[in-house]
Amino acid sequence: LRRPGHVLPLRAHPGGVRARAGHTEAAVEFCRLAGKFEAAAICEVVDDGDDHVPGRAALSSSGMMRGKACVAFARKWGLKVCTIADLVEYVKKTEGKLQLNGS
């Protein structure tokens, strides 16, 4: 949490993760499942890599963490991990599939 960043307003799909399996919908879905106001803040974890560019304060392989790198980061720091696929499966299992309303 040492880097400056930004917070942008995003709008989740009204059908949640059953309609769109995205990060925004997942964050709002967790709020809904917790019985809280359906608004959330999300972030991406930066992967600094290990390859320092000689003579520069830069890294050759930096970017956003994905998949396995996120799981490894969570294990290293004792954090819980839930994938969007896990969340979609849970919601479908406990609440059923999203029904079409014809609109």
C-alpha atoms as a PDB file:
ATOM      1  CA  LEU A   1       0.000   0.000   0.000  1.00  0.00           C
ATOM      2  CA  ARG A   2       2.919   2.319  -0.637  1.00  0.00           C
ATOM      3  CA  ARG A   3       2.098   3.477  -4.136  1.00  0.00           C
ATOM      4  CA  PRO A   4      -0.133   6.345  -5.067  1.00  0.00           C
ATOM      5  CA  GLY A   5      -3.187   5.275  -6.960  1.00  0.00           C
ATOM      6  CA  HIS A   6      -6.607   6.393  -7.966  1.00  0.00           C
ATOM      7  CA  VAL A   7     -10.224   5.572  -7.214  1.00  0.00           C
ATOM      8  CA  LEU A   8     -12.708   5.678 -10.075  1.00  0.00           C
ATOM      9  CA  PRO A   9     -16.474   5.244  -9.779  1.00  0.00           C
ATOM     10  CA  LEU A  10     -17.677   2.087 -11.508  1.00  0.00           C
ATOM     11  CA  ARG A  11     -21.213   0.783 -11.927  1.00  0.00           C
ATOM     12  CA  ALA A  12     -21.943  -2.892 -11.324  1.00  0.00           C
ATOM     13  CA  HIS A  13     -24.378  -4.781 -13.535  1.00  0.00           C
ATOM     14  CA  PRO A  14     -27.781  -5.000 -11.760  1.00  0.00           C
ATOM     15  CA  GLY A  15     -27.728  -8.817 -12.064  1.00  0.00           C
ATOM     16  CA  GLY A  16     -24.465  -9.075 -10.126  1.00  0.00           C
ATOM     17  CA  VAL A  17     -21.989 -11.850 -10.848  1.00  0.00           C
ATOM     18  CA  ARG A  18     -24.736 -14.022 -12.327  1.00  0.00           C
ATOM     19  CA  ALA A  19     -25.123 -11.497 -15.158  1.00  0.00           C
ATOM     20  CA  ARG A  20     -21.484 -10.352 -15.449  1.00  0.00           C
ATOM     21  CA  ALA A  21     -18.583 -12.119 -13.727  1.00  0.00           C
ATOM     22  CA  GLY A  22     -16.437  -9.010 -13.248  1.00  0.00           C
ATOM     23  CA  HIS A  23     -14.407  -7.500 -10.415  1.00  0.00           C
ATOM     24  CA  THR A  24     -16.880  -4.659  -9.877  1.00  0.00           C
ATOM     25  CA  GLU A  25     -19.857  -7.018  -9.665  1.00  0.00           C
ATOM     26  CA  ALA A  26     -17.953  -9.347  -7.313  1.00  0.00           C
ATOM     27  CA  ALA A  27     -17.149  -6.522  -4.891  1.00  0.00           C
ATOM     28  CA  VAL A  28     -20.776  -5.363  -4.802  1.00  0.00           C
ATOM     29  CA  GLU A  29     -21.987  -8.986  -4.530  1.00  0.00           C
ATOM     30  CA  PHE A  30     -19.903  -9.458  -1.364  1.00  0.00           C
ATOM     31  CA  CYS A  31     -21.543  -6.352   0.124  1.00  0.00           C
ATOM     32  CA  ARG A  32     -25.009  -7.643  -0.778  1.00  0.00           C
ATOM     33  CA  LEU A  33     -24.308 -11.085   0.688  1.00  0.00           C
ATOM     34  CA  ALA A  34     -23.086  -9.420   3.898  1.00  0.00           C
ATOM     35  CA  GLY A  35     -26.331  -7.443   4.135  1.00  0.00           C
ATOM     36  CA  LYS A  36     -24.500  -4.144   3.662  1.00  0.00           C
ATOM     37  CA  PHE A  37     -25.006  -1.191   1.346  1.00  0.00           C
ATOM     38  CA  GLU A  38     -24.204  -2.312  -2.196  1.00  0.00           C
ATOM     39  CA  ALA A  39     -21.174  -0.135  -2.871  1.00  0.00           C
ATOM     40  CA  ALA A  40     -17.532  -1.176  -2.763  1.00  0.00           C
ATOM     41  CA  ALA A  41     -13.986  -0.073  -3.502  1.00  0.00           C
ATOM     42  CA  ILE A  42     -11.679  -2.335  -5.491  1.00  0.00           C
ATOM     43  CA  CYS A  43      -7.989  -2.256  -6.358  1.00  0.00           C
ATOM     44  CA  GLU A  44      -5.421  -4.198  -8.326  1.00  0.00           C
ATOM     45  CA  VAL A  45      -2.243  -5.478  -6.717  1.00  0.00           C
ATOM     46  CA  VAL A  46       0.941  -4.362  -8.453  1.00  0.00           C
ATOM     47  CA  ASP A  47       3.545  -7.018  -9.208  1.00  0.00           C
ATOM     48  CA  ASP A  48       6.888  -5.261  -8.886  1.00  0.00           C
ATOM     49  CA  GLY A  49       8.772  -8.213 -10.316  1.00  0.00           C
ATOM     50  CA  ASP A  50      12.352  -8.978  -9.386  1.00  0.00           C
ATOM     51  CA  ASP A  51      14.192  -7.625 -12.395  1.00  0.00           C
ATOM     52  CA  HIS A  52      15.683  -4.216 -11.646  1.00  0.00           C
ATOM     53  CA  VAL A  53      16.789  -2.301 -14.719  1.00  0.00           C
ATOM     54  CA  PRO A  54      20.478  -1.416 -14.200  1.00  0.00           C
ATOM     55  CA  GLY A  55      21.036   2.295 -13.658  1.00  0.00           C
ATOM     56  CA  ARG A  56      17.319   3.097 -13.357  1.00  0.00           C
ATOM     57  CA  ALA A  57      14.700   3.052 -10.638  1.00  0.00           C
ATOM     58  CA  ALA A  58      12.576   0.770 -12.786  1.00  0.00           C
ATOM     59  CA  LEU A  59      11.628  -2.857 -13.082  1.00  0.00           C
ATOM     60  CA  SER A  60      11.526  -4.759 -16.344  1.00  0.00           C
ATOM     61  CA  SER A  61       8.613  -7.029 -15.434  1.00  0.00           C
ATOM     62  CA  SER A  62       6.199  -4.926 -13.399  1.00  0.00           C
ATOM     63  CA  GLY A  63       2.456  -5.006 -13.966  1.00  0.00           C
ATOM     64  CA  MET A  64      -0.765  -6.106 -12.313  1.00  0.00           C
ATOM     65  CA  MET A  65      -0.839  -9.432 -10.468  1.00  0.00           C
ATOM     66  CA  ARG A  66      -3.004 -12.112 -11.996  1.00  0.00           C
ATOM     67  CA  GLY A  67      -4.220 -15.573 -10.956  1.00  0.00           C
ATOM     68  CA  LYS A  68      -1.425 -17.644  -9.467  1.00  0.00           C
ATOM     69  CA  ALA A  69       0.601 -14.572  -8.469  1.00  0.00           C
ATOM     70  CA  CYS A  70      -2.375 -13.278  -6.446  1.00  0.00           C
ATOM     71  CA  VAL A  71      -2.763 -16.643  -4.700  1.00  0.00           C
ATOM     72  CA  ALA A  72       0.966 -16.740  -3.886  1.00  0.00           C
ATOM     73  CA  PHE A  73       0.802 -13.166  -2.531  1.00  0.00           C
ATOM     74  CA  ALA A  74      -2.199 -14.069  -0.364  1.00  0.00           C
ATOM     75  CA  ARG A  75      -0.463 -17.146   1.043  1.00  0.00           C
ATOM     76  CA  LYS A  76       2.685 -15.145   1.797  1.00  0.00           C
ATOM     77  CA  TRP A  77       0.715 -12.569   3.791  1.00  0.00           C
ATOM     78  CA  GLY A  78      -1.946 -14.871   5.298  1.00  0.00           C
ATOM     79  CA  LEU A  79      -4.845 -13.452   3.276  1.00  0.00           C
ATOM     80  CA  LYS A  80      -8.004 -15.294   2.231  1.00  0.00           C
ATOM     81  CA  VAL A  81      -8.631 -15.843  -1.477  1.00  0.00           C
ATOM     82  CA  CYS A  82     -11.899 -16.247  -3.336  1.00  0.00           C
ATOM     83  CA  THR A  83     -12.032 -16.206  -7.107  1.00  0.00           C
ATOM     84  CA  ILE A  84     -14.895 -14.658  -9.027  1.00  0.00           C
ATOM     85  CA  ALA A  85     -15.674 -18.164 -10.323  1.00  0.00           C
ATOM     86  CA  ASP A  86     -15.971 -19.359  -6.686  1.00  0.00           C
ATOM     87  CA  LEU A  87     -18.356 -16.497  -5.934  1.00  0.00           C
ATOM     88  CA  VAL A  88     -20.491 -17.139  -9.033  1.00  0.00           C
ATOM     89  CA  GLU A  89     -20.745 -20.825  -8.111  1.00  0.00           C
ATOM     90  CA  TYR A  90     -21.742 -19.960  -4.529  1.00  0.00           C
ATOM     91  CA  VAL A  91     -24.423 -17.479  -5.612  1.00  0.00           C
ATOM     92  CA  LYS A  92     -25.894 -19.871  -8.191  1.00  0.00           C
ATOM     93  CA  LYS A  93     -25.859 -22.722  -5.669  1.00  0.00           C
ATOM     94  CA  THR A  94     -27.509 -20.733  -2.876  1.00  0.00           C
ATOM     95  CA  GLU A  95     -29.785 -18.421  -4.864  1.00  0.00           C
ATOM     96  CA  GLY A  96     -30.306 -20.123  -8.217  1.00  0.00           C
ATOM     97  CA  LYS A  97     -29.662 -18.858 -11.698  1.00  0.00           C
ATOM     98  CA  LEU A  98     -30.619 -15.366 -12.763  1.00  0.00           C
ATOM     99  CA  GLN A  99     -34.051 -15.339 -14.377  1.00  0.00           C
ATOM    100  CA  LEU A 100     -34.755 -13.317 -17.494  1.00  0.00           C
ATOM    101  CA  ASN A 101     -37.535 -10.758 -17.129  1.00  0.00           C
ATOM    102  CA  GLY A 102     -38.082 -10.213 -20.845  1.00  0.00           C
ATOM    103  CA  SER A 103     -36.777  -6.654 -20.914  1.00  0.00           C
END
